[in-house]
Every structure is written in structure tokens, then in C-alpha cells.
PDB file of N, CA and C in Angstrom:
ATOM      1  N   MET A   1      -5.314 -14.013   8.169  1.00  0.00           N
ATOM      2  CA  MET A   1      -5.278 -12.842   7.313  1.00  0.00           C
ATOM      3  C   MET A   1      -5.435 -11.602   8.196  1.00  0.00           C
ATOM      4  N   ILE A   2      -4.572 -10.626   7.982  1.00  0.00           N
ATOM      5  CA  ILE A   2      -4.661  -9.387   8.739  1.00  0.00           C
ATOM      6  C   ILE A   2      -4.753  -8.204   7.780  1.00  0.00           C
ATOM      7  N   ASP A   3      -5.343  -7.131   8.273  1.00  0.00           N
ATOM      8  CA  ASP A   3      -5.395  -5.865   7.541  1.00  0.00           C
ATOM      9  C   ASP A   3      -4.369  -4.930   8.155  1.00  0.00           C
ATOM     10  N   LEU A   4      -3.500  -4.380   7.329  1.00  0.00           N
ATOM     11  CA  LEU A   4      -2.536  -3.384   7.781  1.00  0.00           C
ATOM     12  C   LEU A   4      -2.900  -2.061   7.121  1.00  0.00           C
ATOM     13  N   HIS A   5      -2.782  -0.975   7.873  1.00  0.00           N
ATOM     14  CA  HIS A   5      -3.173   0.347   7.392  1.00  0.00           C
ATOM     15  C   HIS A   5      -1.974   1.289   7.438  1.00  0.00           C
ATOM     16  N   PHE A   6      -1.821   2.051   6.360  1.00  0.00           N
ATOM     17  CA  PHE A   6      -0.684   2.956   6.227  1.00  0.00           C
ATOM     18  C   PHE A   6      -1.144   4.309   5.717  1.00  0.00           C
ATOM     19  N   GLN A   7      -0.501   5.361   6.211  1.00  0.00           N
ATOM     20  CA  GLN A   7      -0.686   6.692   5.638  1.00  0.00           C
ATOM     21  C   GLN A   7       0.330   6.790   4.509  1.00  0.00           C
ATOM     22  N   THR A   8      -0.112   7.243   3.330  1.00  0.00           N
ATOM     23  CA  THR A   8       0.773   7.286   2.167  1.00  0.00           C
ATOM     24  C   THR A   8       0.716   8.633   1.473  1.00  0.00           C
ATOM     25  N   ASN A   9       1.560   8.765   0.460  1.00  0.00           N
ATOM     26  CA  ASN A   9       1.474   9.924  -0.429  1.00  0.00           C
ATOM     27  C   ASN A   9       0.958   9.491  -1.801  1.00  0.00           C
ATOM     28  N   ILE A  10       0.212   8.387  -1.831  1.00  0.00           N
ATOM     29  CA  ILE A  10      -0.473   7.928  -3.042  1.00  0.00           C
ATOM     30  C   ILE A  10      -1.788   8.703  -3.086  1.00  0.00           C
ATOM     31  N   ASN A  11      -1.815   9.813  -3.827  1.00  0.00           N
ATOM     32  CA  ASN A  11      -2.941  10.734  -3.671  1.00  0.00           C
ATOM     33  C   ASN A  11      -3.839  10.929  -4.880  1.00  0.00           C
ATOM     34  N   CYS A  12      -3.596  10.185  -5.971  1.00  0.00           N
ATOM     35  CA  CYS A  12      -4.465  10.342  -7.139  1.00  0.00           C
ATOM     36  C   CYS A  12      -4.502   9.036  -7.923  1.00  0.00           C
ATOM     37  N   MET A  13      -5.355   8.966  -8.910  1.00  0.00           N
ATOM     38  CA  MET A  13      -5.465   7.743  -9.693  1.00  0.00           C
ATOM     39  C   MET A  13      -4.202   7.479 -10.508  1.00  0.00           C
ATOM     40  N   GLY A  14      -3.491   8.519 -10.874  1.00  0.00           N
ATOM     41  CA  GLY A  14      -2.215   8.336 -11.563  1.00  0.00           C
ATOM     42  C   GLY A  14      -1.210   7.632 -10.661  1.00  0.00           C
ATOM     43  N   CYS A  15      -1.187   8.040  -9.389  1.00  0.00           N
ATOM     44  CA  CYS A  15      -0.319   7.390  -8.404  1.00  0.00           C
ATOM     45  C   CYS A  15      -0.740   5.934  -8.208  1.00  0.00           C
ATOM     46  N   VAL A  16      -2.033   5.718  -8.121  1.00  0.00           N
ATOM     47  CA  VAL A  16      -2.551   4.351  -7.949  1.00  0.00           C
ATOM     48  C   VAL A  16      -2.110   3.483  -9.127  1.00  0.00           C
ATOM     49  N   SER A  17      -2.161   4.030 -10.334  1.00  0.00           N
ATOM     50  CA  SER A  17      -1.776   3.238 -11.503  1.00  0.00           C
ATOM     51  C   SER A  17      -0.287   2.905 -11.488  1.00  0.00           C
ATOM     52  N   LYS A  18       0.533   3.745 -10.877  1.00  0.00           N
ATOM     53  CA  LYS A  18       1.970   3.479 -10.783  1.00  0.00           C
ATOM     54  C   LYS A  18       2.285   2.410  -9.738  1.00  0.00           C
ATOM     55  N   VAL A  19       1.541   2.390  -8.650  1.00  0.00           N
ATOM     56  CA  VAL A  19       1.813   1.441  -7.574  1.00  0.00           C
ATOM     57  C   VAL A  19       1.136   0.088  -7.814  1.00  0.00           C
ATOM     58  N   THR A  20       0.101   0.062  -8.641  1.00  0.00           N
ATOM     59  CA  THR A  20      -0.665  -1.159  -8.884  1.00  0.00           C
ATOM     60  C   THR A  20       0.190  -2.343  -9.335  1.00  0.00           C
ATOM     61  N   PRO A  21       1.049  -2.204 -10.362  1.00  0.00           N
ATOM     62  CA  PRO A  21       1.821  -3.374 -10.786  1.00  0.00           C
ATOM     63  C   PRO A  21       2.731  -3.929  -9.687  1.00  0.00           C
ATOM     64  N   VAL A  22       3.263  -3.060  -8.875  1.00  0.00           N
ATOM     65  CA  VAL A  22       4.168  -3.494  -7.804  1.00  0.00           C
ATOM     66  C   VAL A  22       3.396  -4.242  -6.722  1.00  0.00           C
ATOM     67  N   LEU A  23       2.288  -3.662  -6.267  1.00  0.00           N
ATOM     68  CA  LEU A  23       1.514  -4.315  -5.208  1.00  0.00           C
ATOM     69  C   LEU A  23       0.840  -5.594  -5.712  1.00  0.00           C
ATOM     70  N   ASN A  24       0.376  -5.586  -6.948  1.00  0.00           N
ATOM     71  CA  ASN A  24      -0.310  -6.762  -7.484  1.00  0.00           C
ATOM     72  C   ASN A  24       0.615  -7.953  -7.686  1.00  0.00           C
ATOM     73  N   THR A  25       1.898  -7.705  -7.860  1.00  0.00           N
ATOM     74  CA  THR A  25       2.839  -8.803  -8.095  1.00  0.00           C
ATOM     75  C   THR A  25       3.652  -9.178  -6.862  1.00  0.00           C
ATOM     76  N   THR A  26       3.370  -8.544  -5.733  1.00  0.00           N
ATOM     77  CA  THR A  26       4.089  -8.865  -4.501  1.00  0.00           C
ATOM     78  C   THR A  26       3.456 -10.075  -3.837  1.00  0.00           C
ATOM     79  N   GLU A  27       4.254 -11.125  -3.705  1.00  0.00           N
ATOM     80  CA  GLU A  27       3.767 -12.347  -3.062  1.00  0.00           C
ATOM     81  C   GLU A  27       3.441 -12.051  -1.605  1.00  0.00           C
ATOM     82  N   GLY A  28       2.294 -12.505  -1.150  1.00  0.00           N
ATOM     83  CA  GLY A  28       1.872 -12.295   0.230  1.00  0.00           C
ATOM     84  C   GLY A  28       0.788 -11.239   0.368  1.00  0.00           C
ATOM     85  N   ILE A  29       0.645 -10.369  -0.633  1.00  0.00           N
ATOM     86  CA  ILE A  29      -0.431  -9.374  -0.608  1.00  0.00           C
ATOM     87  C   ILE A  29      -1.650 -10.010  -1.264  1.00  0.00           C
ATOM     88  N   GLN A  30      -2.694 -10.207  -0.478  1.00  0.00           N
ATOM     89  CA  GLN A  30      -3.921 -10.820  -0.996  1.00  0.00           C
ATOM     90  C   GLN A  30      -4.792  -9.796  -1.710  1.00  0.00           C
ATOM     91  N   SER A  31      -4.893  -8.599  -1.128  1.00  0.00           N
ATOM     92  CA  SER A  31      -5.626  -7.500  -1.750  1.00  0.00           C
ATOM     93  C   SER A  31      -5.169  -6.203  -1.108  1.00  0.00           C
ATOM     94  N   TRP A  32      -5.485  -5.087  -1.764  1.00  0.00           N
ATOM     95  CA  TRP A  32      -5.100  -3.782  -1.245  1.00  0.00           C
ATOM     96  C   TRP A  32      -6.031  -2.726  -1.822  1.00  0.00           C
ATOM     97  N   ASN A  33      -6.066  -1.582  -1.156  1.00  0.00           N
ATOM     98  CA  ASN A  33      -6.903  -0.471  -1.592  1.00  0.00           C
ATOM     99  C   ASN A  33      -6.328   0.817  -1.020  1.00  0.00           C
ATOM    100  N   VAL A  34      -6.397   1.889  -1.794  1.00  0.00           N
ATOM    101  CA  VAL A  34      -5.988   3.209  -1.311  1.00  0.00           C
ATOM    102  C   VAL A  34      -7.207   4.111  -1.314  1.00  0.00           C
ATOM    103  N   ASP A  35      -7.499   4.720  -0.170  1.00  0.00           N
ATOM    104  CA  ASP A  35      -8.600   5.681  -0.069  1.00  0.00           C
ATOM    105  C   ASP A  35      -8.046   7.064  -0.366  1.00  0.00           C
ATOM    106  N   THR A  36      -8.085   7.465  -1.634  1.00  0.00           N
ATOM    107  CA  THR A  36      -7.530   8.760  -2.024  1.00  0.00           C
ATOM    108  C   THR A  36      -8.429   9.920  -1.606  1.00  0.00           C
ATOM    109  N   THR A  37      -9.658   9.634  -1.151  1.00  0.00           N
ATOM    110  CA  THR A  37     -10.541  10.701  -0.682  1.00  0.00           C
ATOM    111  C   THR A  37     -10.264  11.069   0.764  1.00  0.00           C
ATOM    112  N   ASN A  38      -9.584  10.184   1.497  1.00  0.00           N
ATOM    113  CA  ASN A  38      -9.221  10.439   2.885  1.00  0.00           C
ATOM    114  C   ASN A  38      -7.983  11.330   2.890  1.00  0.00           C
ATOM    115  N   SER A  39      -7.954  12.331   3.748  1.00  0.00           N
ATOM    116  CA  SER A  39      -6.816  13.258   3.776  1.00  0.00           C
ATOM    117  C   SER A  39      -5.503  12.558   4.121  1.00  0.00           C
ATOM    118  N   SER A  40      -5.572  11.401   4.784  1.00  0.00           N
ATOM    119  CA  SER A  40      -4.364  10.639   5.114  1.00  0.00           C
ATOM    120  C   SER A  40      -3.949   9.678   4.006  1.00  0.00           C
ATOM    121  N   LYS A  41      -4.765   9.584   2.944  1.00  0.00           N
ATOM    122  CA  LYS A  41      -4.474   8.688   1.811  1.00  0.00           C
ATOM    123  C   LYS A  41      -4.145   7.292   2.322  1.00  0.00           C
ATOM    124  N   VAL A  42      -5.107   6.677   2.969  1.00  0.00           N
ATOM    125  CA  VAL A  42      -4.906   5.420   3.682  1.00  0.00           C
ATOM    126  C   VAL A  42      -4.847   4.234   2.718  1.00  0.00           C
ATOM    127  N   LEU A  43      -3.728   3.513   2.820  1.00  0.00           N
ATOM    128  CA  LEU A  43      -3.531   2.264   2.087  1.00  0.00           C
ATOM    129  C   LEU A  43      -3.861   1.122   3.039  1.00  0.00           C
ATOM    130  N   THR A  44      -4.771   0.248   2.634  1.00  0.00           N
ATOM    131  CA  THR A  44      -5.122  -0.934   3.409  1.00  0.00           C
ATOM    132  C   THR A  44      -4.639  -2.152   2.632  1.00  0.00           C
ATOM    133  N   VAL A  45      -3.868  -2.991   3.310  1.00  0.00           N
ATOM    134  CA  VAL A  45      -3.324  -4.189   2.679  1.00  0.00           C
ATOM    135  C   VAL A  45      -3.774  -5.406   3.476  1.00  0.00           C
ATOM    136  N   LYS A  46      -4.340  -6.392   2.777  1.00  0.00           N
ATOM    137  CA  LYS A  46      -4.691  -7.670   3.391  1.00  0.00           C
ATOM    138  C   LYS A  46      -3.549  -8.640   3.088  1.00  0.00           C
ATOM    139  N   THR A  47      -2.969  -9.221   4.137  1.00  0.00           N
ATOM    140  CA  THR A  47      -1.854 -10.132   3.964  1.00  0.00           C
ATOM    141  C   THR A  47      -1.918 -11.250   4.990  1.00  0.00           C
ATOM    142  N   ASP A  48      -1.328 -12.368   4.628  1.00  0.00           N
ATOM    143  CA  ASP A  48      -1.229 -13.469   5.584  1.00  0.00           C
ATOM    144  C   ASP A  48       0.218 -13.785   5.920  1.00  0.00           C
ATOM    145  N   SER A  49       1.167 -13.048   5.298  1.00  0.00           N
ATOM    146  CA  SER A  49       2.561 -13.392   5.539  1.00  0.00           C
ATOM    147  C   SER A  49       3.522 -12.214   5.634  1.00  0.00           C
ATOM    148  N   LEU A  50       3.127 -11.027   5.208  1.00  0.00           N
ATOM    149  CA  LEU A  50       4.042  -9.895   5.214  1.00  0.00           C
ATOM    150  C   LEU A  50       3.898  -9.044   6.469  1.00  0.00           C
ATOM    151  N   THR A  51       5.001  -8.426   6.858  1.00  0.00           N
ATOM    152  CA  THR A  51       4.997  -7.511   7.999  1.00  0.00           C
ATOM    153  C   THR A  51       4.826  -6.086   7.488  1.00  0.00           C
ATOM    154  N   ALA A  52       4.499  -5.182   8.392  1.00  0.00           N
ATOM    155  CA  ALA A  52       4.354  -3.772   8.018  1.00  0.00           C
ATOM    156  C   ALA A  52       5.640  -3.212   7.402  1.00  0.00           C
ATOM    157  N   PRO A  53       6.822  -3.471   7.989  1.00  0.00           N
ATOM    158  CA  PRO A  53       8.047  -2.958   7.362  1.00  0.00           C
ATOM    159  C   PRO A  53       8.277  -3.505   5.949  1.00  0.00           C
ATOM    160  N   GLU A  54       7.893  -4.747   5.704  1.00  0.00           N
ATOM    161  CA  GLU A  54       8.047  -5.318   4.365  1.00  0.00           C
ATOM    162  C   GLU A  54       7.138  -4.606   3.368  1.00  0.00           C
ATOM    163  N   ILE A  55       5.927  -4.291   3.779  1.00  0.00           N
ATOM    164  CA  ILE A  55       4.997  -3.586   2.891  1.00  0.00           C
ATOM    165  C   ILE A  55       5.481  -2.166   2.639  1.00  0.00           C
ATOM    166  N   ILE A  56       5.998  -1.516   3.657  1.00  0.00           N
ATOM    167  CA  ILE A  56       6.552  -0.165   3.493  1.00  0.00           C
ATOM    168  C   ILE A  56       7.678  -0.196   2.458  1.00  0.00           C
ATOM    169  N   THR A  57       8.528  -1.205   2.511  1.00  0.00           N
ATOM    170  CA  THR A  57       9.612  -1.350   1.542  1.00  0.00           C
ATOM    171  C   THR A  57       9.074  -1.515   0.127  1.00  0.00           C
ATOM    172  N   VAL A  58       8.014  -2.295  -0.025  1.00  0.00           N
ATOM    173  CA  VAL A  58       7.395  -2.498  -1.343  1.00  0.00           C
ATOM    174  C   VAL A  58       6.839  -1.177  -1.870  1.00  0.00           C
ATOM    175  N   VAL A  59       6.153  -0.430  -1.032  1.00  0.00           N
ATOM    176  CA  VAL A  59       5.585   0.861  -1.444  1.00  0.00           C
ATOM    177  C   VAL A  59       6.705   1.822  -1.842  1.00  0.00           C
ATOM    178  N   GLU A  60       7.789   1.827  -1.076  1.00  0.00           N
ATOM    179  CA  GLU A  60       8.925   2.700  -1.392  1.00  0.00           C
ATOM    180  C   GLU A  60       9.580   2.289  -2.712  1.00  0.00           C
ATOM    181  N   LYS A  61       9.619   0.994  -2.984  1.00  0.00           N
ATOM    182  CA  LYS A  61      10.155   0.477  -4.255  1.00  0.00           C
ATOM    183  C   LYS A  61       9.336   1.018  -5.432  1.00  0.00           C
ATOM    184  N   ALA A  62       8.046   1.240  -5.207  1.00  0.00           N
ATOM    185  CA  ALA A  62       7.177   1.790  -6.245  1.00  0.00           C
ATOM    186  C   ALA A  62       7.301   3.315  -6.360  1.00  0.00           C
ATOM    187  N   GLY A  63       8.086   3.920  -5.457  1.00  0.00           N
ATOM    188  CA  GLY A  63       8.319   5.364  -5.532  1.00  0.00           C
ATOM    189  C   GLY A  63       7.459   6.210  -4.618  1.00  0.00           C
ATOM    190  N   PHE A  64       6.825   5.572  -3.626  1.00  0.00           N
ATOM    191  CA  PHE A  64       5.939   6.310  -2.716  1.00  0.00           C
ATOM    192  C   PHE A  64       6.362   6.078  -1.273  1.00  0.00           C
ATOM    193  N   LYS A  65       5.787   6.849  -0.386  1.00  0.00           N
ATOM    194  CA  LYS A  65       6.063   6.720   1.046  1.00  0.00           C
ATOM    195  C   LYS A  65       4.871   6.102   1.750  1.00  0.00           C
ATOM    196  N   ALA A  66       5.161   5.368   2.824  1.00  0.00           N
ATOM    197  CA  ALA A  66       4.099   4.781   3.632  1.00  0.00           C
ATOM    198  C   ALA A  66       4.553   4.776   5.084  1.00  0.00           C
ATOM    199  N   GLU A  67       3.604   5.025   5.960  1.00  0.00           N
ATOM    200  CA  GLU A  67       3.863   5.025   7.402  1.00  0.00           C
ATOM    201  C   GLU A  67       2.731   4.281   8.073  1.00  0.00           C
ATOM    202  N   MET A  68       3.071   3.358   8.952  1.00  0.00           N
ATOM    203  CA  MET A  68       2.073   2.542   9.643  1.00  0.00           C
ATOM    204  C   MET A  68       1.147   3.429  10.471  1.00  0.00           C
ATOM    205  N   LEU A  69      -0.144   3.157  10.387  1.00  0.00           N
ATOM    206  CA  LEU A  69      -1.137   3.862  11.221  1.00  0.00           C
ATOM    207  C   LEU A  69      -1.418   3.058  12.462  1.00  0.00           C
TER     208      LEU A  69
END
């Protein structure tokens, strides 16, 4: 299991509620969290099978941007 960290534009609870169904149903994501209090809006994803580019694609599918930290 690895933790991947991304800078995102998921910046409020409304944004979190929009991305939640997508991240929760993505196979390979064990857990995730967005620190909306951090100025970089850091998304942390725990995965055992997905790569950073795959997670970025999932976040973009939900309508947000992500960049590997």
C-alpha cells in the first residue's frame, strides 16, 4: 500500500461532495482525503494498484485538476 499526494483544486466541502462518488467507486483506491485547509489543497490517496497518472485521470473525470506532489 502506498500513499500518493496531489495538489488539487478541490477547495471546499461542495467540491469534496462532487468528487466523493467518483473516488469511492474507483477500484484500487483504498482510502482518500483532501486537506482543504492546506493552501495546496492536498489530496492523499492510499492505493495498492493505481499509478499517479491513473489517479489524476480519475480526478479529472470528476471535473477537478490534480498534480503529483
